[in-house]
C-alpha atoms as a PDB file:
ATOM      1  CA  MET A   1       7.771  -1.696  18.897  1.00  0.00           C
ATOM      2  CA  ILE A   2       4.473  -0.631  18.290  1.00  0.00           C
ATOM      3  CA  GLY A   3       2.830  -4.303  18.022  1.00  0.00           C
ATOM      4  CA  ARG A   4       4.000  -4.709  21.741  1.00  0.00           C
ATOM      5  CA  LEU A   5       2.386  -1.654  22.980  1.00  0.00           C
ATOM      6  CA  PRO A   6      -1.184  -1.797  25.032  1.00  0.00           C
ATOM      7  CA  LEU A   7      -3.922  -1.924  22.618  1.00  0.00           C
ATOM      8  CA  ASP A   8      -5.150   1.602  23.111  1.00  0.00           C
ATOM      9  CA  GLU A   9      -1.796   3.048  22.309  1.00  0.00           C
ATOM     10  CA  GLN A  10      -1.584   0.699  19.278  1.00  0.00           C
ATOM     11  CA  LEU A  11      -5.012   2.183  18.278  1.00  0.00           C
ATOM     12  CA  ASP A  12      -3.569   5.686  18.504  1.00  0.00           C
ATOM     13  CA  ALA A  13      -0.477   4.655  16.682  1.00  0.00           C
ATOM     14  CA  LEU A  14      -2.659   3.395  13.835  1.00  0.00           C
ATOM     15  CA  ARG A  15      -4.693   6.452  13.326  1.00  0.00           C
ATOM     16  CA  ALA A  16      -1.530   8.643  13.440  1.00  0.00           C
ATOM     17  CA  VAL A  17       0.015   6.299  10.829  1.00  0.00           C
ATOM     18  CA  LEU A  18      -2.943   6.121   8.474  1.00  0.00           C
ATOM     19  CA  SER A  19      -3.324   9.971   8.721  1.00  0.00           C
ATOM     20  CA  ARG A  20       0.047  10.280   6.913  1.00  0.00           C
ATOM     21  CA  ASN A  21      -1.815   8.930   3.812  1.00  0.00           C
ATOM     22  CA  SER A  22      -3.733  11.839   2.763  1.00  0.00           C
ATOM     23  CA  VAL A  23      -5.449  10.022  -0.032  1.00  0.00           C
ATOM     24  CA  LEU A  24      -6.737   7.483   2.693  1.00  0.00           C
ATOM     25  CA  THR A  25      -7.968  10.285   4.918  1.00  0.00           C
ATOM     26  CA  GLN A  26      -9.920  11.931   2.015  1.00  0.00           C
ATOM     27  CA  VAL A  27     -11.622   8.593   1.160  1.00  0.00           C
ATOM     28  CA  LEU A  28     -12.570   8.093   4.776  1.00  0.00           C
ATOM     29  CA  GLU A  29     -14.188  11.660   5.045  1.00  0.00           C
ATOM     30  CA  ARG A  30     -15.970  11.286   1.474  1.00  0.00           C
ATOM     31  CA  ALA A  31     -17.188   7.612   2.158  1.00  0.00           C
ATOM     32  CA  ALA A  32     -18.767   8.914   5.499  1.00  0.00           C
ATOM     33  CA  THR A  33     -20.899  11.329   3.419  1.00  0.00           C
ATOM     34  CA  MET A  34     -22.602   8.367   1.692  1.00  0.00           C
ATOM     35  CA  GLY A  35     -24.451   7.068   4.517  1.00  0.00           C
ATOM     36  CA  LEU A  36     -23.814   3.550   3.410  1.00  0.00           C
ATOM     37  CA  PRO A  37     -24.983   0.657   5.975  1.00  0.00           C
ATOM     38  CA  GLY A  38     -21.954  -0.998   7.871  1.00  0.00           C
ATOM     39  CA  TRP A  39     -19.452   0.549   5.715  1.00  0.00           C
ATOM     40  CA  TYR A  40     -15.559   0.247   6.179  1.00  0.00           C
ATOM     41  CA  LEU A  41     -12.370   1.232   4.334  1.00  0.00           C
ATOM     42  CA  THR A  42     -10.590  -1.973   4.354  1.00  0.00           C
ATOM     43  CA  ALA A  43      -7.765  -4.341   3.415  1.00  0.00           C
ATOM     44  CA  GLY A  44      -4.699  -3.288   1.514  1.00  0.00           C
ATOM     45  CA  CYS A  45      -4.865   0.575   1.686  1.00  0.00           C
ATOM     46  CA  LEU A  46      -4.789   0.129   5.448  1.00  0.00           C
ATOM     47  CA  PHE A  47      -1.890  -2.514   6.249  1.00  0.00           C
ATOM     48  CA  GLN A  48       0.125  -1.164   3.091  1.00  0.00           C
ATOM     49  CA  THR A  49      -0.046   2.227   4.458  1.00  0.00           C
ATOM     50  CA  VAL A  50       1.455   0.872   7.861  1.00  0.00           C
ATOM     51  CA  TRP A  51       3.947  -1.147   5.940  1.00  0.00           C
ATOM     52  CA  ASN A  52       5.056   1.972   4.101  1.00  0.00           C
ATOM     53  CA  VAL A  53       5.470   4.261   7.129  1.00  0.00           C
ATOM     54  CA  VAL A  54       7.217   1.486   9.084  1.00  0.00           C
ATOM     55  CA  THR A  55       9.709   1.091   6.259  1.00  0.00           C
ATOM     56  CA  ASP A  56      10.227   4.738   5.504  1.00  0.00           C
ATOM     57  CA  ARG A  57       8.225   4.740   2.000  1.00  0.00           C
ATOM     58  CA  PRO A  58       6.024   7.242   0.803  1.00  0.00           C
ATOM     59  CA  PRO A  59       2.774   6.402   2.568  1.00  0.00           C
ATOM     60  CA  THR A  60       0.887   5.874  -0.524  1.00  0.00           C
ATOM     61  CA  GLU A  61       3.572   3.764  -2.423  1.00  0.00           C
ATOM     62  CA  GLY A  62       2.312   0.549  -4.072  1.00  0.00           C
ATOM     63  CA  ILE A  63      -1.363   0.965  -3.031  1.00  0.00           C
ATOM     64  CA  LYS A  64      -3.250   0.007  -6.223  1.00  0.00           C
ATOM     65  CA  ASP A  65      -7.108   0.840  -4.853  1.00  0.00           C
ATOM     66  CA  TYR A  66      -9.009   1.770  -1.803  1.00  0.00           C
ATOM     67  CA  ASP A  67     -11.561  -0.728  -0.850  1.00  0.00           C
ATOM     68  CA  VAL A  68     -14.931   0.371   0.732  1.00  0.00           C
ATOM     69  CA  PHE A  69     -17.181  -2.253   1.794  1.00  0.00           C
ATOM     70  CA  TYR A  70     -20.864  -1.852   2.870  1.00  0.00           C
ATOM     71  CA  PHE A  71     -23.720  -4.407   3.770  1.00  0.00           C
ATOM     72  CA  ASP A  72     -27.152  -4.026   2.411  1.00  0.00           C
ATOM     73  CA  ALA A  73     -29.078  -7.281   2.374  1.00  0.00           C
ATOM     74  CA  GLY A  74     -32.279  -5.567   1.507  1.00  0.00           C
ATOM     75  CA  ASP A  75     -31.707  -5.586  -2.309  1.00  0.00           C
ATOM     76  CA  LEU A  76     -29.007  -8.168  -3.704  1.00  0.00           C
ATOM     77  CA  SER A  77     -29.360  -6.790  -7.311  1.00  0.00           C
ATOM     78  CA  TRP A  78     -26.472  -6.098  -9.318  1.00  0.00           C
ATOM     79  CA  GLU A  79     -28.610  -2.809 -10.236  1.00  0.00           C
ATOM     80  CA  ALA A  80     -28.700  -1.411  -6.586  1.00  0.00           C
ATOM     81  CA  GLU A  81     -25.144  -2.108  -6.188  1.00  0.00           C
ATOM     82  CA  ASP A  82     -24.141  -0.603  -9.413  1.00  0.00           C
ATOM     83  CA  ALA A  83     -26.041   2.556  -8.336  1.00  0.00           C
ATOM     84  CA  VAL A  84     -23.968   2.915  -5.199  1.00  0.00           C
ATOM     85  CA  ILE A  85     -20.730   2.437  -7.255  1.00  0.00           C
ATOM     86  CA  ARG A  86     -21.908   5.173  -9.887  1.00  0.00           C
ATOM     87  CA  ALA A  87     -22.701   7.505  -6.804  1.00  0.00           C
ATOM     88  CA  GLY A  88     -19.388   6.742  -5.397  1.00  0.00           C
ATOM     89  CA  ARG A  89     -17.450   7.736  -8.776  1.00  0.00           C
ATOM     90  CA  GLU A  90     -19.128  11.250  -8.121  1.00  0.00           C
ATOM     91  CA  VAL A  91     -18.066  11.544  -4.453  1.00  0.00           C
ATOM     92  CA  PHE A  92     -14.510  10.151  -5.026  1.00  0.00           C
ATOM     93  CA  ALA A  93     -13.895  12.055  -8.202  1.00  0.00           C
ATOM     94  CA  GLY A  94     -10.632  13.971  -8.223  1.00  0.00           C
ATOM     95  CA  LEU A  95      -8.756  11.637  -5.954  1.00  0.00           C
ATOM     96  CA  PRO A  96      -5.540  10.213  -7.313  1.00  0.00           C
ATOM     97  CA  ALA A  97      -6.593   6.549  -6.742  1.00  0.00           C
ATOM     98  CA  GLU A  98      -9.190   3.966  -7.569  1.00  0.00           C
ATOM     99  CA  VAL A  99     -11.908   3.563  -5.014  1.00  0.00           C
ATOM    100  CA  GLU A 100     -13.633   0.294  -5.341  1.00  0.00           C
ATOM    101  CA  ILE A 101     -17.102  -0.260  -3.583  1.00  0.00           C
ATOM    102  CA  ARG A 102     -18.674  -3.641  -2.930  1.00  0.00           C
ATOM    103  CA  ASN A 103     -21.924  -4.757  -1.250  1.00  0.00           C
ATOM    104  CA  GLU A 104     -20.673  -7.677   1.048  1.00  0.00           C
ATOM    105  CA  ALA A 105     -24.124  -8.984   1.141  1.00  0.00           C
ATOM    106  CA  ARG A 106     -23.746  -9.895  -2.537  1.00  0.00           C
ATOM    107  CA  VAL A 107     -20.375 -11.442  -2.402  1.00  0.00           C
ATOM    108  CA  HIS A 108     -21.880 -15.196  -2.315  1.00  0.00           C
ATOM    109  CA  LEU A 109     -23.511 -14.552  -5.555  1.00  0.00           C
ATOM    110  CA  TRP A 110     -20.058 -14.329  -7.540  1.00  0.00           C
ATOM    111  CA  TYR A 111     -17.261 -15.534  -5.278  1.00  0.00           C
ATOM    112  CA  GLU A 112     -17.036 -19.155  -6.321  1.00  0.00           C
ATOM    113  CA  ARG A 113     -17.065 -18.006 -10.059  1.00  0.00           C
ATOM    114  CA  LYS A 114     -13.690 -15.871  -9.378  1.00  0.00           C
ATOM    115  CA  PHE A 115     -11.979 -17.880  -6.566  1.00  0.00           C
ATOM    116  CA  GLY A 116     -13.277 -21.489  -7.112  1.00  0.00           C
ATOM    117  CA  VAL A 117     -14.632 -22.092  -3.697  1.00  0.00           C
ATOM    118  CA  PRO A 118     -18.234 -21.460  -2.533  1.00  0.00           C
ATOM    119  CA  CYS A 119     -18.864 -18.598  -0.161  1.00  0.00           C
ATOM    120  CA  PRO A 120     -21.696 -18.828   2.511  1.00  0.00           C
ATOM    121  CA  PRO A 121     -23.741 -15.546   2.591  1.00  0.00           C
ATOM    122  CA  TYR A 122     -22.108 -13.102   4.959  1.00  0.00           C
ATOM    123  CA  ALA A 123     -23.959 -11.532   7.826  1.00  0.00           C
ATOM    124  CA  SER A 124     -22.233  -8.185   7.961  1.00  0.00           C
ATOM    125  CA  SER A 125     -19.191  -6.346   6.780  1.00  0.00           C
ATOM    126  CA  GLU A 126     -17.329  -7.326   9.772  1.00  0.00           C
ATOM    127  CA  ALA A 127     -17.942 -11.071   8.627  1.00  0.00           C
ATOM    128  CA  ALA A 128     -16.591 -10.278   5.229  1.00  0.00           C
ATOM    129  CA  ILE A 129     -13.396  -8.810   6.714  1.00  0.00           C
ATOM    130  CA  ASP A 130     -13.044 -11.957   8.791  1.00  0.00           C
ATOM    131  CA  CYS A 131     -12.490 -13.992   5.572  1.00  0.00           C
ATOM    132  CA  PHE A 132      -9.805 -12.288   4.067  1.00  0.00           C
ATOM    133  CA  ALA A 133      -6.768 -14.772   3.032  1.00  0.00           C
ATOM    134  CA  ALA A 134      -4.310 -13.209   5.459  1.00  0.00           C
ATOM    135  CA  THR A 135      -4.846 -12.045   9.130  1.00  0.00           C
ATOM    136  CA  THR A 136      -3.056  -8.930   8.396  1.00  0.00           C
ATOM    137  CA  CYS A 137      -5.788  -7.971   5.835  1.00  0.00           C
ATOM    138  CA  CYS A 138      -8.592  -8.208   8.369  1.00  0.00           C
ATOM    139  CA  LEU A 139      -8.817  -4.822   9.276  1.00  0.00           C
ATOM    140  CA  GLY A 140     -11.492  -2.111   8.820  1.00  0.00           C
ATOM    141  CA  VAL A 141     -11.770   1.677   9.598  1.00  0.00           C
ATOM    142  CA  ARG A 142     -14.581   3.863   9.294  1.00  0.00           C
ATOM    143  CA  LEU A 143     -15.523   7.505  10.485  1.00  0.00           C
ATOM    144  CA  GLU A 144     -18.348   7.956  12.801  1.00  0.00           C
ATOM    145  CA  THR A 145     -20.355  10.915  14.023  1.00  0.00           C
ATOM    146  CA  GLY A 146     -18.015  13.450  15.582  1.00  0.00           C
ATOM    147  CA  GLY A 147     -14.715  12.333  13.529  1.00  0.00           C
ATOM    148  CA  ARG A 148     -14.319   9.132  15.682  1.00  0.00           C
ATOM    149  CA  TRP A 149     -12.690   6.210  14.355  1.00  0.00           C
ATOM    150  CA  ARG A 150     -14.285   2.764  14.454  1.00  0.00           C
ATOM    151  CA  VAL A 151     -11.600   0.267  14.121  1.00  0.00           C
ATOM    152  CA  TYR A 152     -12.320  -3.387  13.499  1.00  0.00           C
ATOM    153  CA  ALA A 153      -9.345  -5.584  13.749  1.00  0.00           C
ATOM    154  CA  PRO A 154     -10.319  -9.237  14.757  1.00  0.00           C
ATOM    155  CA  HIS A 155      -6.735 -10.389  14.751  1.00  0.00           C
ATOM    156  CA  GLY A 156      -5.151  -7.288  16.370  1.00  0.00           C
ATOM    157  CA  LEU A 157      -2.540  -5.017  14.974  1.00  0.00           C
ATOM    158  CA  SER A 158       0.782  -6.561  16.015  1.00  0.00           C
ATOM    159  CA  ASP A 159       1.214  -8.495  12.721  1.00  0.00           C
ATOM    160  CA  VAL A 160       0.378  -5.305  10.791  1.00  0.00           C
ATOM    161  CA  PHE A 161       2.925  -3.382  12.662  1.00  0.00           C
ATOM    162  CA  GLY A 162       5.338  -6.195  12.660  1.00  0.00           C
ATOM    163  CA  LEU A 163       5.297  -6.689   9.017  1.00  0.00           C
ATOM    164  CA  VAL A 164       4.174 -10.353   9.387  1.00  0.00           C
ATOM    165  CA  LEU A 165       1.933 -12.049   6.532  1.00  0.00           C
ATOM    166  CA  ARG A 166      -0.186 -14.550   8.484  1.00  0.00           C
ATOM    167  CA  PRO A 167      -2.548 -17.156   6.456  1.00  0.00           C
ATOM    168  CA  ASN A 168      -6.156 -17.021   7.484  1.00  0.00           C
ATOM    169  CA  PRO A 169      -7.523 -20.289   5.940  1.00  0.00           C
ATOM    170  CA  VAL A 170     -11.160 -19.899   6.323  1.00  0.00           C
ATOM    171  CA  LEU A 171     -12.602 -19.317   3.161  1.00  0.00           C
ATOM    172  CA  ALA A 172     -10.021 -18.152   0.267  1.00  0.00           C
ATOM    173  CA  PRO A 173      -7.829 -20.848  -1.016  1.00  0.00           C
ATOM    174  CA  ARG A 174      -4.125 -21.207  -0.725  1.00  0.00           C
ATOM    175  CA  SER A 175      -3.424 -19.952  -4.230  1.00  0.00           C
ATOM    176  CA  VAL A 176      -5.017 -16.660  -3.584  1.00  0.00           C
ATOM    177  CA  TYR A 177      -2.775 -16.330  -0.210  1.00  0.00           C
ATOM    178  CA  GLU A 178       0.421 -17.157  -2.076  1.00  0.00           C
ATOM    179  CA  ALA A 179       0.086 -15.093  -5.045  1.00  0.00           C
ATOM    180  CA  LYS A 180      -0.805 -11.996  -2.821  1.00  0.00           C
ATOM    181  CA  ALA A 181       2.343 -13.098  -0.870  1.00  0.00           C
ATOM    182  CA  VAL A 182       4.624 -13.086  -3.756  1.00  0.00           C
ATOM    183  CA  ARG A 183       3.209  -9.902  -4.984  1.00  0.00           C
ATOM    184  CA  TRP A 184       3.481  -7.865  -1.592  1.00  0.00           C
ATOM    185  CA  ARG A 185       6.976  -9.345  -0.818  1.00  0.00           C
ATOM    186  CA  GLU A 186       8.202  -7.731  -4.038  1.00  0.00           C
ATOM    187  CA  GLN A 187       7.001  -4.532  -3.073  1.00  0.00           C
ATOM    188  CA  TRP A 188       7.967  -4.997   0.608  1.00  0.00           C
ATOM    189  CA  PRO A 189      10.900  -7.288   0.775  1.00  0.00           C
ATOM    190  CA  GLU A 190      10.819  -6.626   4.770  1.00  0.00           C
ATOM    191  CA  LEU A 191       7.852  -8.729   5.133  1.00  0.00           C
ATOM    192  CA  THR A 192       7.972 -12.107   7.229  1.00  0.00           C
ATOM    193  CA  VAL A 193       5.572 -14.487   5.210  1.00  0.00           C
ATOM    194  CA  LEU A 194       4.278 -17.442   7.191  1.00  0.00           C
ATOM    195  CA  GLU A 195       3.449 -20.554   5.247  1.00  0.00           C
ATOM    196  CA  TRP A 196      -0.201 -21.800   4.516  1.00  0.00           C
ATOM    197  CA  PRO A 197      -0.975 -24.713   6.805  1.00  0.00           C
ATOM    198  CA  MET A 198      -0.385 -28.023   5.029  1.00  0.00           C
ATOM    199  CA  ASP A 199      -3.762 -29.601   6.123  1.00  0.00           C
ATOM    200  CA  ARG A 200      -5.649 -26.912   4.326  1.00  0.00           C
ATOM    201  CA  PRO A 201      -6.200 -26.635   0.554  1.00  0.00           C
END
């Protein structure tokens, strides 16, 4: 089982598995050309590619979009973020998938309206990744100079490869986790979904 391998071997396996998703590798390569500060390709497109490969599905099956985070606290205006989003439309044109770009320095400005709980300002893209509703989602990858992969995985990779959905009750409410769990289990019934802790809303 990959999740029980030494971490360096897990990282090699992650790169090998993710590289089977040609859309994902193209997003990584194109995102690297944009020069975005602190950027990562993150969340669903990563762990869902792993789930697909581990369960012998096509690597892109069920992946609705590809999320690119970056962190620019120098300009928190919507206009600045929108300019990056519009530039991204050009960069990612022609890909058979939606690529969603978000400045994580701005998330605290809209999070409460969308999810019903306040979000303190993030200090980095990594801090934003730390706050996903499930630990399995807390994963980011970017290409660095020379084609080296930088992987951010604060909870490791064992649950990702083991098809375990584990709650991460640091910010997102229980309803967000449970809604995602229902949707993902319909697509990947092999998942083990762990319960939200009873002492957290």
